PDB file of N, CA and C in Angstrom:
ATOM      1  N   MET A   1      63.109 150.660 -51.939  1.00  0.00           N
ATOM      2  CA  MET A   1      63.140 149.671 -51.373  1.00  0.00           C
ATOM      3  C   MET A   1      63.762 148.551 -52.192  1.00  0.00           C
ATOM      4  N   ALA A   2      64.702 147.550 -51.334  1.00  0.00           N
ATOM      5  CA  ALA A   2      65.237 146.493 -52.305  1.00  0.00           C
ATOM      6  C   ALA A   2      65.818 145.636 -51.418  1.00  0.00           C
ATOM      7  N   ILE A   3      65.721 144.217 -51.990  1.00  0.00           N
ATOM      8  CA  ILE A   3      66.062 142.926 -51.548  1.00  0.00           C
ATOM      9  C   ILE A   3      67.260 142.516 -52.480  1.00  0.00           C
ATOM     10  N   THR A   4      68.375 142.353 -52.290  1.00  0.00           N
ATOM     11  CA  THR A   4      69.435 142.091 -53.147  1.00  0.00           C
ATOM     12  C   THR A   4      70.041 140.608 -52.906  1.00  0.00           C
ATOM     13  N   LEU A   5      70.695 140.129 -54.046  1.00  0.00           N
ATOM     14  CA  LEU A   5      71.285 138.677 -53.782  1.00  0.00           C
ATOM     15  C   LEU A   5      72.574 138.685 -54.406  1.00  0.00           C
ATOM     16  N   THR A   6      73.683 138.297 -53.759  1.00  0.00           N
ATOM     17  CA  THR A   6      74.897 138.030 -54.349  1.00  0.00           C
ATOM     18  C   THR A   6      75.052 136.872 -55.592  1.00  0.00           C
ATOM     19  N   ASP A   7      75.797 136.743 -56.228  1.00  0.00           N
ATOM     20  CA  ASP A   7      75.851 135.681 -57.202  1.00  0.00           C
ATOM     21  C   ASP A   7      75.871 134.310 -56.746  1.00  0.00           C
ATOM     22  N   ARG A   8      76.616 134.192 -55.414  1.00  0.00           N
ATOM     23  CA  ARG A   8      76.755 132.757 -54.991  1.00  0.00           C
ATOM     24  C   ARG A   8      75.279 132.510 -54.505  1.00  0.00           C
ATOM     25  N   ALA A   9      74.508 133.450 -53.734  1.00  0.00           N
ATOM     26  CA  ALA A   9      73.098 133.216 -53.220  1.00  0.00           C
ATOM     27  C   ALA A   9      72.227 132.847 -54.294  1.00  0.00           C
ATOM     28  N   ALA A  10      72.315 133.619 -55.465  1.00  0.00           N
ATOM     29  CA  ALA A  10      71.395 133.444 -56.349  1.00  0.00           C
ATOM     30  C   ALA A  10      71.819 131.987 -57.311  1.00  0.00           C
ATOM     31  N   GLY A  11      72.830 131.635 -57.208  1.00  0.00           N
ATOM     32  CA  GLY A  11      73.289 130.385 -57.885  1.00  0.00           C
ATOM     33  C   GLY A  11      72.767 129.103 -57.031  1.00  0.00           C
ATOM     34  N   ARG A  12      73.013 129.424 -55.883  1.00  0.00           N
ATOM     35  CA  ARG A  12      72.262 128.088 -54.923  1.00  0.00           C
ATOM     36  C   ARG A  12      70.750 128.244 -55.025  1.00  0.00           C
ATOM     37  N   ILE A  13      70.152 129.233 -54.973  1.00  0.00           N
ATOM     38  CA  ILE A  13      68.643 129.349 -55.154  1.00  0.00           C
ATOM     39  C   ILE A  13      68.111 128.755 -56.412  1.00  0.00           C
ATOM     40  N   VAL A  14      68.824 129.075 -57.654  1.00  0.00           N
ATOM     41  CA  VAL A  14      68.598 128.478 -58.819  1.00  0.00           C
ATOM     42  C   VAL A  14      68.840 126.926 -58.687  1.00  0.00           C
ATOM     43  N   ASP A  15      69.776 126.425 -58.061  1.00  0.00           N
ATOM     44  CA  ASP A  15      69.873 124.887 -57.892  1.00  0.00           C
ATOM     45  C   ASP A  15      68.808 124.397 -57.386  1.00  0.00           C
ATOM     46  N   PHE A  16      68.312 124.910 -56.115  1.00  0.00           N
ATOM     47  CA  PHE A  16      67.388 124.443 -55.412  1.00  0.00           C
ATOM     48  C   PHE A  16      66.114 124.410 -56.289  1.00  0.00           C
ATOM     49  N   LEU A  17      65.879 125.665 -56.926  1.00  0.00           N
ATOM     50  CA  LEU A  17      64.532 125.669 -57.859  1.00  0.00           C
ATOM     51  C   LEU A  17      64.768 124.434 -59.045  1.00  0.00           C
ATOM     52  N   THR A  18      65.946 124.363 -59.522  1.00  0.00           N
ATOM     53  CA  THR A  18      66.142 123.281 -60.550  1.00  0.00           C
ATOM     54  C   THR A  18      65.737 121.939 -60.188  1.00  0.00           C
ATOM     55  N   ASN A  19      66.289 121.869 -58.957  1.00  0.00           N
ATOM     56  CA  ASN A  19      66.181 120.432 -58.419  1.00  0.00           C
ATOM     57  C   ASN A  19      64.705 120.185 -58.021  1.00  0.00           C
ATOM     58  N   ARG A  20      63.683 121.010 -57.563  1.00  0.00           N
ATOM     59  CA  ARG A  20      62.602 121.085 -57.143  1.00  0.00           C
ATOM     60  C   ARG A  20      61.653 120.730 -58.469  1.00  0.00           C
ATOM     61  N   GLY A  21      61.964 121.348 -59.545  1.00  0.00           N
ATOM     62  CA  GLY A  21      61.528 121.155 -60.781  1.00  0.00           C
ATOM     63  C   GLY A  21      60.166 122.272 -61.029  1.00  0.00           C
ATOM     64  N   PHE A  22      59.990 123.141 -60.251  1.00  0.00           N
ATOM     65  CA  PHE A  22      59.078 124.158 -60.441  1.00  0.00           C
ATOM     66  C   PHE A  22      59.199 125.303 -59.232  1.00  0.00           C
ATOM     67  N   GLY A  23      58.462 126.281 -59.223  1.00  0.00           N
ATOM     68  CA  GLY A  23      58.631 127.296 -58.465  1.00  0.00           C
ATOM     69  C   GLY A  23      59.154 128.759 -59.245  1.00  0.00           C
ATOM     70  N   MET A  24      58.416 129.631 -58.761  1.00  0.00           N
ATOM     71  CA  MET A  24      58.794 131.028 -59.228  1.00  0.00           C
ATOM     72  C   MET A  24      60.020 131.820 -58.725  1.00  0.00           C
ATOM     73  N   GLY A  25      60.259 131.399 -57.479  1.00  0.00           N
ATOM     74  CA  GLY A  25      61.321 131.772 -56.830  1.00  0.00           C
ATOM     75  C   GLY A  25      61.441 131.675 -55.379  1.00  0.00           C
ATOM     76  N   ILE A  26      61.754 132.650 -54.399  1.00  0.00           N
ATOM     77  CA  ILE A  26      61.811 132.306 -52.969  1.00  0.00           C
ATOM     78  C   ILE A  26      60.949 133.261 -52.086  1.00  0.00           C
ATOM     79  N   ARG A  27      60.486 133.160 -50.949  1.00  0.00           N
ATOM     80  CA  ARG A  27      59.632 134.037 -49.960  1.00  0.00           C
ATOM     81  C   ARG A  27      60.609 134.385 -48.929  1.00  0.00           C
ATOM     82  N   LEU A  28      61.012 135.448 -48.665  1.00  0.00           N
ATOM     83  CA  LEU A  28      61.928 135.991 -47.722  1.00  0.00           C
ATOM     84  C   LEU A  28      60.936 136.659 -46.640  1.00  0.00           C
ATOM     85  N   SER A  29      60.722 136.172 -45.461  1.00  0.00           N
ATOM     86  CA  SER A  29      59.717 136.642 -44.359  1.00  0.00           C
ATOM     87  C   SER A  29      60.510 136.693 -43.137  1.00  0.00           C
ATOM     88  N   VAL A  30      59.941 137.472 -42.143  1.00  0.00           N
ATOM     89  CA  VAL A  30      60.165 137.430 -40.748  1.00  0.00           C
ATOM     90  C   VAL A  30      59.274 136.775 -39.854  1.00  0.00           C
ATOM     91  N   GLN A  31      59.728 136.055 -38.768  1.00  0.00           N
ATOM     92  CA  GLN A  31      58.831 135.499 -38.049  1.00  0.00           C
ATOM     93  C   GLN A  31      59.466 135.810 -36.577  1.00  0.00           C
ATOM     94  N   THR A  32      58.369 135.799 -35.456  1.00  0.00           N
ATOM     95  CA  THR A  32      58.666 135.959 -34.221  1.00  0.00           C
ATOM     96  C   THR A  32      59.388 134.580 -33.969  1.00  0.00           C
ATOM     97  N   THR A  33      60.542 134.801 -33.270  1.00  0.00           N
ATOM     98  CA  THR A  33      61.395 133.415 -32.792  1.00  0.00           C
ATOM     99  C   THR A  33      62.809 133.853 -32.205  1.00  0.00           C
ATOM    100  N   GLY A  34      63.347 132.825 -31.421  1.00  0.00           N
ATOM    101  CA  GLY A  34      64.638 133.346 -31.073  1.00  0.00           C
ATOM    102  C   GLY A  34      64.912 134.145 -29.807  1.00  0.00           C
ATOM    103  N   CYS A  35      66.123 134.405 -29.361  1.00  0.00           N
ATOM    104  CA  CYS A  35      66.211 135.185 -28.218  1.00  0.00           C
ATOM    105  C   CYS A  35      66.157 136.534 -28.535  1.00  0.00           C
ATOM    106  N   SER A  36      66.313 137.121 -29.670  1.00  0.00           N
ATOM    107  CA  SER A  36      66.460 138.259 -30.193  1.00  0.00           C
ATOM    108  C   SER A  36      65.041 138.874 -30.627  1.00  0.00           C
ATOM    109  N   GLY A  37      64.165 138.150 -30.948  1.00  0.00           N
ATOM    110  CA  GLY A  37      62.737 138.336 -31.298  1.00  0.00           C
ATOM    111  C   GLY A  37      62.140 138.103 -32.698  1.00  0.00           C
ATOM    112  N   LEU A  38      63.078 138.298 -33.895  1.00  0.00           N
ATOM    113  CA  LEU A  38      62.800 138.272 -35.135  1.00  0.00           C
ATOM    114  C   LEU A  38      63.699 137.175 -35.675  1.00  0.00           C
ATOM    115  N   GLY A  39      63.297 136.236 -36.551  1.00  0.00           N
ATOM    116  CA  GLY A  39      64.119 135.344 -37.474  1.00  0.00           C
ATOM    117  C   GLY A  39      63.512 135.214 -38.844  1.00  0.00           C
ATOM    118  N   TYR A  40      64.502 134.994 -39.686  1.00  0.00           N
ATOM    119  CA  TYR A  40      64.428 134.853 -41.280  1.00  0.00           C
ATOM    120  C   TYR A  40      63.886 133.615 -41.638  1.00  0.00           C
ATOM    121  N   ASN A  41      62.806 133.511 -42.481  1.00  0.00           N
ATOM    122  CA  ASN A  41      62.272 132.324 -43.117  1.00  0.00           C
ATOM    123  C   ASN A  41      62.435 132.494 -44.498  1.00  0.00           C
ATOM    124  N   ILE A  42      62.794 131.344 -45.035  1.00  0.00           N
ATOM    125  CA  ILE A  42      62.856 131.261 -46.600  1.00  0.00           C
ATOM    126  C   ILE A  42      62.099 130.159 -46.880  1.00  0.00           C
ATOM    127  N   GLU A  43      61.370 130.120 -48.078  1.00  0.00           N
ATOM    128  CA  GLU A  43      60.433 129.183 -48.584  1.00  0.00           C
ATOM    129  C   GLU A  43      60.143 129.473 -49.904  1.00  0.00           C
ATOM    130  N   PHE A  44      59.936 128.196 -50.743  1.00  0.00           N
ATOM    131  CA  PHE A  44      59.850 128.213 -52.201  1.00  0.00           C
ATOM    132  C   PHE A  44      58.376 128.978 -52.297  1.00  0.00           C
ATOM    133  N   VAL A  45      58.311 129.651 -53.565  1.00  0.00           N
ATOM    134  CA  VAL A  45      56.826 130.447 -53.850  1.00  0.00           C
ATOM    135  C   VAL A  45      56.637 130.012 -55.155  1.00  0.00           C
ATOM    136  N   ASP A  46      55.313 129.381 -55.075  1.00  0.00           N
ATOM    137  CA  ASP A  46      54.639 129.072 -56.512  1.00  0.00           C
ATOM    138  C   ASP A  46      53.413 130.182 -56.991  1.00  0.00           C
ATOM    139  N   ASN A  47      53.040 130.827 -56.342  1.00  0.00           N
ATOM    140  CA  ASN A  47      52.397 131.942 -56.448  1.00  0.00           C
ATOM    141  C   ASN A  47      52.458 133.156 -55.654  1.00  0.00           C
ATOM    142  N   THR A  48      51.984 134.344 -56.014  1.00  0.00           N
ATOM    143  CA  THR A  48      52.452 135.587 -55.257  1.00  0.00           C
ATOM    144  C   THR A  48      50.894 136.187 -54.615  1.00  0.00           C
ATOM    145  N   ASN A  49      50.985 136.739 -53.598  1.00  0.00           N
ATOM    146  CA  ASN A  49      49.775 137.293 -52.756  1.00  0.00           C
ATOM    147  C   ASN A  49      49.626 138.769 -53.265  1.00  0.00           C
ATOM    148  N   ASP A  50      48.569 139.285 -52.923  1.00  0.00           N
ATOM    149  CA  ASP A  50      48.248 140.547 -53.152  1.00  0.00           C
ATOM    150  C   ASP A  50      49.291 141.650 -52.721  1.00  0.00           C
ATOM    151  N   ASP A  51      49.556 141.383 -51.424  1.00  0.00           N
ATOM    152  CA  ASP A  51      50.398 142.478 -50.745  1.00  0.00           C
ATOM    153  C   ASP A  51      51.773 142.038 -50.697  1.00  0.00           C
ATOM    154  N   ASP A  52      52.294 141.164 -51.791  1.00  0.00           N
ATOM    155  CA  ASP A  52      53.729 140.967 -52.085  1.00  0.00           C
ATOM    156  C   ASP A  52      54.360 141.933 -52.745  1.00  0.00           C
ATOM    157  N   THR A  53      55.664 142.164 -52.541  1.00  0.00           N
ATOM    158  CA  THR A  53      56.559 142.825 -53.374  1.00  0.00           C
ATOM    159  C   THR A  53      57.692 141.948 -54.090  1.00  0.00           C
ATOM    160  N   VAL A  54      57.845 141.863 -55.245  1.00  0.00           N
ATOM    161  CA  VAL A  54      58.816 140.969 -56.070  1.00  0.00           C
ATOM    162  C   VAL A  54      60.051 141.935 -56.479  1.00  0.00           C
ATOM    163  N   PHE A  55      61.114 141.287 -55.863  1.00  0.00           N
ATOM    164  CA  PHE A  55      62.408 141.850 -56.402  1.00  0.00           C
ATOM    165  C   PHE A  55      63.001 140.816 -57.175  1.00  0.00           C
ATOM    166  N   GLU A  56      63.777 141.035 -58.114  1.00  0.00           N
ATOM    167  CA  GLU A  56      64.639 140.297 -59.106  1.00  0.00           C
ATOM    168  C   GLU A  56      65.981 140.704 -59.286  1.00  0.00           C
ATOM    169  N   GLY A  57      66.957 139.891 -59.246  1.00  0.00           N
ATOM    170  CA  GLY A  57      68.346 140.029 -59.102  1.00  0.00           C
ATOM    171  C   GLY A  57      68.878 138.497 -59.401  1.00  0.00           C
ATOM    172  N   ASN A  58      70.050 138.545 -60.617  1.00  0.00           N
ATOM    173  CA  ASN A  58      70.577 137.633 -61.071  1.00  0.00           C
ATOM    174  C   ASN A  58      69.719 136.626 -61.394  1.00  0.00           C
ATOM    175  N   GLY A  59      68.548 136.881 -61.912  1.00  0.00           N
ATOM    176  CA  GLY A  59      67.560 135.832 -62.561  1.00  0.00           C
ATOM    177  C   GLY A  59      66.831 135.036 -61.503  1.00  0.00           C
ATOM    178  N   VAL A  60      66.872 135.621 -60.374  1.00  0.00           N
ATOM    179  CA  VAL A  60      66.052 134.997 -59.143  1.00  0.00           C
ATOM    180  C   VAL A  60      65.085 136.022 -58.476  1.00  0.00           C
ATOM    181  N   LYS A  61      63.919 135.379 -58.312  1.00  0.00           N
ATOM    182  CA  LYS A  61      62.638 136.296 -57.598  1.00  0.00           C
ATOM    183  C   LYS A  61      62.932 136.081 -56.281  1.00  0.00           C
ATOM    184  N   VAL A  62      62.790 137.244 -55.467  1.00  0.00           N
ATOM    185  CA  VAL A  62      62.590 137.045 -54.264  1.00  0.00           C
ATOM    186  C   VAL A  62      61.353 137.848 -53.896  1.00  0.00           C
ATOM    187  N   ILE A  63      60.498 137.142 -53.076  1.00  0.00           N
ATOM    188  CA  ILE A  63      58.967 137.820 -52.851  1.00  0.00           C
ATOM    189  C   ILE A  63      59.040 138.098 -51.432  1.00  0.00           C
ATOM    190  N   VAL A  64      58.554 139.333 -50.946  1.00  0.00           N
ATOM    191  CA  VAL A  64      58.513 139.503 -49.787  1.00  0.00           C
ATOM    192  C   VAL A  64      56.993 140.216 -49.137  1.00  0.00           C
ATOM    193  N   ASP A  65      56.415 139.755 -48.182  1.00  0.00           N
ATOM    194  CA  ASP A  65      55.074 140.439 -47.975  1.00  0.00           C
ATOM    195  C   ASP A  65      55.308 141.664 -47.240  1.00  0.00           C
ATOM    196  N   ALA A  66      54.349 142.493 -47.286  1.00  0.00           N
ATOM    197  CA  ALA A  66      54.289 143.963 -46.820  1.00  0.00           C
ATOM    198  C   ALA A  66      54.668 144.177 -45.178  1.00  0.00           C
ATOM    199  N   LYS A  67      54.251 143.145 -44.515  1.00  0.00           N
ATOM    200  CA  LYS A  67      54.638 143.152 -43.077  1.00  0.00           C
ATOM    201  C   LYS A  67      56.072 142.832 -43.053  1.00  0.00           C
ATOM    202  N   SER A  68      56.593 141.980 -43.661  1.00  0.00           N
ATOM    203  CA  SER A  68      58.187 141.811 -43.463  1.00  0.00           C
ATOM    204  C   SER A  68      59.133 142.874 -44.094  1.00  0.00           C
ATOM    205  N   LEU A  69      58.604 143.474 -45.105  1.00  0.00           N
ATOM    206  CA  LEU A  69      59.371 144.254 -45.943  1.00  0.00           C
ATOM    207  C   LEU A  69      59.901 145.270 -44.979  1.00  0.00           C
ATOM    208  N   ILE A  70      59.071 145.889 -44.261  1.00  0.00           N
ATOM    209  CA  ILE A  70      59.814 146.892 -43.071  1.00  0.00           C
ATOM    210  C   ILE A  70      60.844 146.595 -42.366  1.00  0.00           C
ATOM    211  N   TYR A  71      61.138 145.200 -42.060  1.00  0.00           N
ATOM    212  CA  TYR A  71      62.108 144.704 -41.353  1.00  0.00           C
ATOM    213  C   TYR A  71      63.214 144.574 -42.399  1.00  0.00           C
ATOM    214  N   LEU A  72      62.999 144.079 -43.425  1.00  0.00           N
ATOM    215  CA  LEU A  72      64.007 143.534 -44.679  1.00  0.00           C
ATOM    216  C   LEU A  72      64.560 144.576 -45.473  1.00  0.00           C
ATOM    217  N   ASP A  73      63.899 145.819 -45.566  1.00  0.00           N
ATOM    218  CA  ASP A  73      64.371 146.891 -46.719  1.00  0.00           C
ATOM    219  C   ASP A  73      65.812 146.818 -46.586  1.00  0.00           C
ATOM    220  N   GLY A  74      66.491 146.704 -47.416  1.00  0.00           N
ATOM    221  CA  GLY A  74      68.126 146.996 -47.892  1.00  0.00           C
ATOM    222  C   GLY A  74      68.726 145.706 -47.343  1.00  0.00           C
ATOM    223  N   THR A  75      68.209 144.468 -47.451  1.00  0.00           N
ATOM    224  CA  THR A  75      68.881 143.200 -47.061  1.00  0.00           C
ATOM    225  C   THR A  75      69.509 142.733 -48.147  1.00  0.00           C
ATOM    226  N   GLN A  76      70.784 142.239 -47.969  1.00  0.00           N
ATOM    227  CA  GLN A  76      71.574 141.307 -49.107  1.00  0.00           C
ATOM    228  C   GLN A  76      71.453 139.892 -48.688  1.00  0.00           C
ATOM    229  N   ILE A  77      71.340 139.180 -49.405  1.00  0.00           N
ATOM    230  CA  ILE A  77      71.467 137.625 -49.211  1.00  0.00           C
ATOM    231  C   ILE A  77      72.610 137.044 -49.832  1.00  0.00           C
ATOM    232  N   ASP A  78      73.464 136.294 -48.952  1.00  0.00           N
ATOM    233  CA  ASP A  78      74.573 135.801 -49.364  1.00  0.00           C
ATOM    234  C   ASP A  78      74.568 134.391 -49.201  1.00  0.00           C
ATOM    235  N   HIS A  79      75.027 133.488 -49.629  1.00  0.00           N
ATOM    236  CA  HIS A  79      75.339 131.919 -49.611  1.00  0.00           C
ATOM    237  C   HIS A  79      76.785 131.885 -49.012  1.00  0.00           C
ATOM    238  N   VAL A  80      76.850 131.246 -47.805  1.00  0.00           N
ATOM    239  CA  VAL A  80      78.433 131.069 -47.541  1.00  0.00           C
ATOM    240  C   VAL A  80      78.491 129.280 -47.239  1.00  0.00           C
ATOM    241  N   LYS A  81      79.874 129.024 -47.692  1.00  0.00           N
ATOM    242  CA  LYS A  81      80.132 127.745 -47.271  1.00  0.00           C
ATOM    243  C   LYS A  81      81.571 127.908 -46.274  1.00  0.00           C
ATOM    244  N   GLU A  82      81.529 127.331 -45.015  1.00  0.00           N
ATOM    245  CA  GLU A  82      82.577 126.994 -44.353  1.00  0.00           C
ATOM    246  C   GLU A  82      82.783 125.632 -43.776  1.00  0.00           C
ATOM    247  N   GLY A  83      83.654 124.986 -44.509  1.00  0.00           N
ATOM    248  CA  GLY A  83      84.039 123.487 -44.055  1.00  0.00           C
ATOM    249  C   GLY A  83      82.795 122.555 -44.523  1.00  0.00           C
ATOM    250  N   LEU A  84      82.034 122.068 -43.571  1.00  0.00           N
ATOM    251  CA  LEU A  84      80.960 121.094 -44.015  1.00  0.00           C
ATOM    252  C   LEU A  84      79.743 121.934 -43.763  1.00  0.00           C
ATOM    253  N   ASN A  85      79.601 123.212 -43.276  1.00  0.00           N
ATOM    254  CA  ASN A  85      78.561 123.909 -43.134  1.00  0.00           C
ATOM    255  C   ASN A  85      78.256 125.056 -44.141  1.00  0.00           C
ATOM    256  N   GLU A  86      77.217 124.887 -44.552  1.00  0.00           N
ATOM    257  CA  GLU A  86      76.644 126.058 -45.409  1.00  0.00           C
ATOM    258  C   GLU A  86      75.362 126.674 -45.343  1.00  0.00           C
ATOM    259  N   GLY A  87      75.187 127.651 -45.641  1.00  0.00           N
ATOM    260  CA  GLY A  87      73.826 128.424 -45.604  1.00  0.00           C
ATOM    261  C   GLY A  87      73.607 129.823 -45.860  1.00  0.00           C
ATOM    262  N   PHE A  88      72.750 130.471 -45.907  1.00  0.00           N
ATOM    263  CA  PHE A  88      72.350 131.822 -46.323  1.00  0.00           C
ATOM    264  C   PHE A  88      72.675 132.676 -44.957  1.00  0.00           C
ATOM    265  N   GLU A  89      73.121 133.751 -45.616  1.00  0.00           N
ATOM    266  CA  GLU A  89      73.319 134.844 -44.639  1.00  0.00           C
ATOM    267  C   GLU A  89      72.769 136.153 -44.900  1.00  0.00           C
ATOM    268  N   PHE A  90      72.385 136.944 -44.130  1.00  0.00           N
ATOM    269  CA  PHE A  90      71.726 138.284 -44.200  1.00  0.00           C
ATOM    270  C   PHE A  90      72.351 139.207 -43.717  1.00  0.00           C
ATOM    271  N   ASN A  91      72.586 140.187 -44.648  1.00  0.00           N
ATOM    272  CA  ASN A  91      73.195 141.421 -44.142  1.00  0.00           C
ATOM    273  C   ASN A  91      72.195 142.534 -44.250  1.00  0.00           C
ATOM    274  N   ASN A  92      71.675 142.592 -43.018  1.00  0.00           N
ATOM    275  CA  ASN A  92      70.313 143.498 -43.003  1.00  0.00           C
ATOM    276  C   ASN A  92      70.739 144.777 -42.339  1.00  0.00           C
ATOM    277  N   PRO A  93      70.617 146.061 -42.927  1.00  0.00           N
ATOM    278  CA  PRO A  93      70.955 147.071 -42.242  1.00  0.00           C
ATOM    279  C   PRO A  93      69.988 147.644 -41.207  1.00  0.00           C
ATOM    280  N   ASN A  94      68.815 147.010 -41.051  1.00  0.00           N
ATOM    281  CA  ASN A  94      67.836 147.367 -40.121  1.00  0.00           C
ATOM    282  C   ASN A  94      67.852 146.707 -38.956  1.00  0.00           C
ATOM    283  N   ALA A  95      68.864 145.451 -38.845  1.00  0.00           N
ATOM    284  CA  ALA A  95      69.151 144.794 -37.468  1.00  0.00           C
ATOM    285  C   ALA A  95      69.961 145.581 -36.687  1.00  0.00           C
ATOM    286  N   LYS A  96      69.529 145.862 -35.208  1.00  0.00           N
ATOM    287  CA  LYS A  96      70.026 146.598 -34.435  1.00  0.00           C
ATOM    288  C   LYS A  96      71.023 145.736 -33.569  1.00  0.00           C
ATOM    289  N   ALA A  97      70.685 144.460 -33.286  1.00  0.00           N
ATOM    290  CA  ALA A  97      71.374 143.492 -32.512  1.00  0.00           C
ATOM    291  C   ALA A  97      71.151 141.959 -32.893  1.00  0.00           C
ATOM    292  N   GLU A  98      71.930 141.193 -32.763  1.00  0.00           N
ATOM    293  CA  GLU A  98      71.679 139.620 -33.377  1.00  0.00           C
ATOM    294  C   GLU A  98      71.834 138.953 -32.077  1.00  0.00           C
ATOM    295  N   CYS A  99      71.389 137.689 -31.913  1.00  0.00           N
ATOM    296  CA  CYS A  99      71.595 136.929 -30.630  1.00  0.00           C
ATOM    297  C   CYS A  99      72.953 136.050 -30.881  1.00  0.00           C
ATOM    298  N   GLY A 100      73.351 135.571 -29.988  1.00  0.00           N
ATOM    299  CA  GLY A 100      74.764 134.990 -30.178  1.00  0.00           C
ATOM    300  C   GLY A 100      74.960 133.819 -30.945  1.00  0.00           C
ATOM    301  N   CYS A 101      73.988 133.203 -31.346  1.00  0.00           N
ATOM    302  CA  CYS A 101      73.879 132.030 -32.230  1.00  0.00           C
ATOM    303  C   CYS A 101      73.707 132.567 -33.792  1.00  0.00           C
ATOM    304  N   GLY A 102      73.249 133.726 -33.855  1.00  0.00           N
ATOM    305  CA  GLY A 102      72.769 134.396 -35.229  1.00  0.00           C
ATOM    306  C   GLY A 102      71.548 133.904 -35.698  1.00  0.00           C
ATOM    307  N   GLU A 103      70.552 133.231 -34.996  1.00  0.00           N
ATOM    308  CA  GLU A 103      69.375 132.868 -35.555  1.00  0.00           C
ATOM    309  C   GLU A 103      68.331 134.014 -35.394  1.00  0.00           C
ATOM    310  N   SER A 104      68.583 134.803 -34.725  1.00  0.00           N
ATOM    311  CA  SER A 104      67.393 135.977 -34.666  1.00  0.00           C
ATOM    312  C   SER A 104      68.151 137.318 -34.322  1.00  0.00           C
ATOM    313  N   PHE A 105      67.316 138.277 -34.656  1.00  0.00           N
ATOM    314  CA  PHE A 105      67.682 139.849 -34.684  1.00  0.00           C
ATOM    315  C   PHE A 105      66.572 140.609 -34.178  1.00  0.00           C
ATOM    316  N   THR A 106      66.976 141.718 -33.463  1.00  0.00           N
ATOM    317  CA  THR A 106      66.034 142.727 -33.314  1.00  0.00           C
ATOM    318  C   THR A 106      66.279 144.025 -34.101  1.00  0.00           C
ATOM    319  N   VAL A 107      65.123 144.906 -34.004  1.00  0.00           N
ATOM    320  CA  VAL A 107      65.236 146.087 -34.904  1.00  0.00           C
ATOM    321  C   VAL A 107      65.093 147.275 -33.916  1.00  0.00           C
TER     322      VAL A 107
END
């Protein structure tokens, strides 16, 4: 099982954590949302929970809870910037389809 980060994504997360001033990494999880059913959620992490799995790459810790891990295993997180828009992009091998706007997916 693995969650990986590109260099760009890791650099952006390090920038966010540096600006925040504290935090051990980010939590990646899924939640029920959107037209396809599941959406990605990212938040800062200060402490881990008993059911968390911690992945580390490029100096960044990505924490995933047990329920989300089955949907996220093998996902690569990238950070893309196109013109004035920027954000994280998820290459999830488990996603069978995504909604038209890219905000949610189904497995």
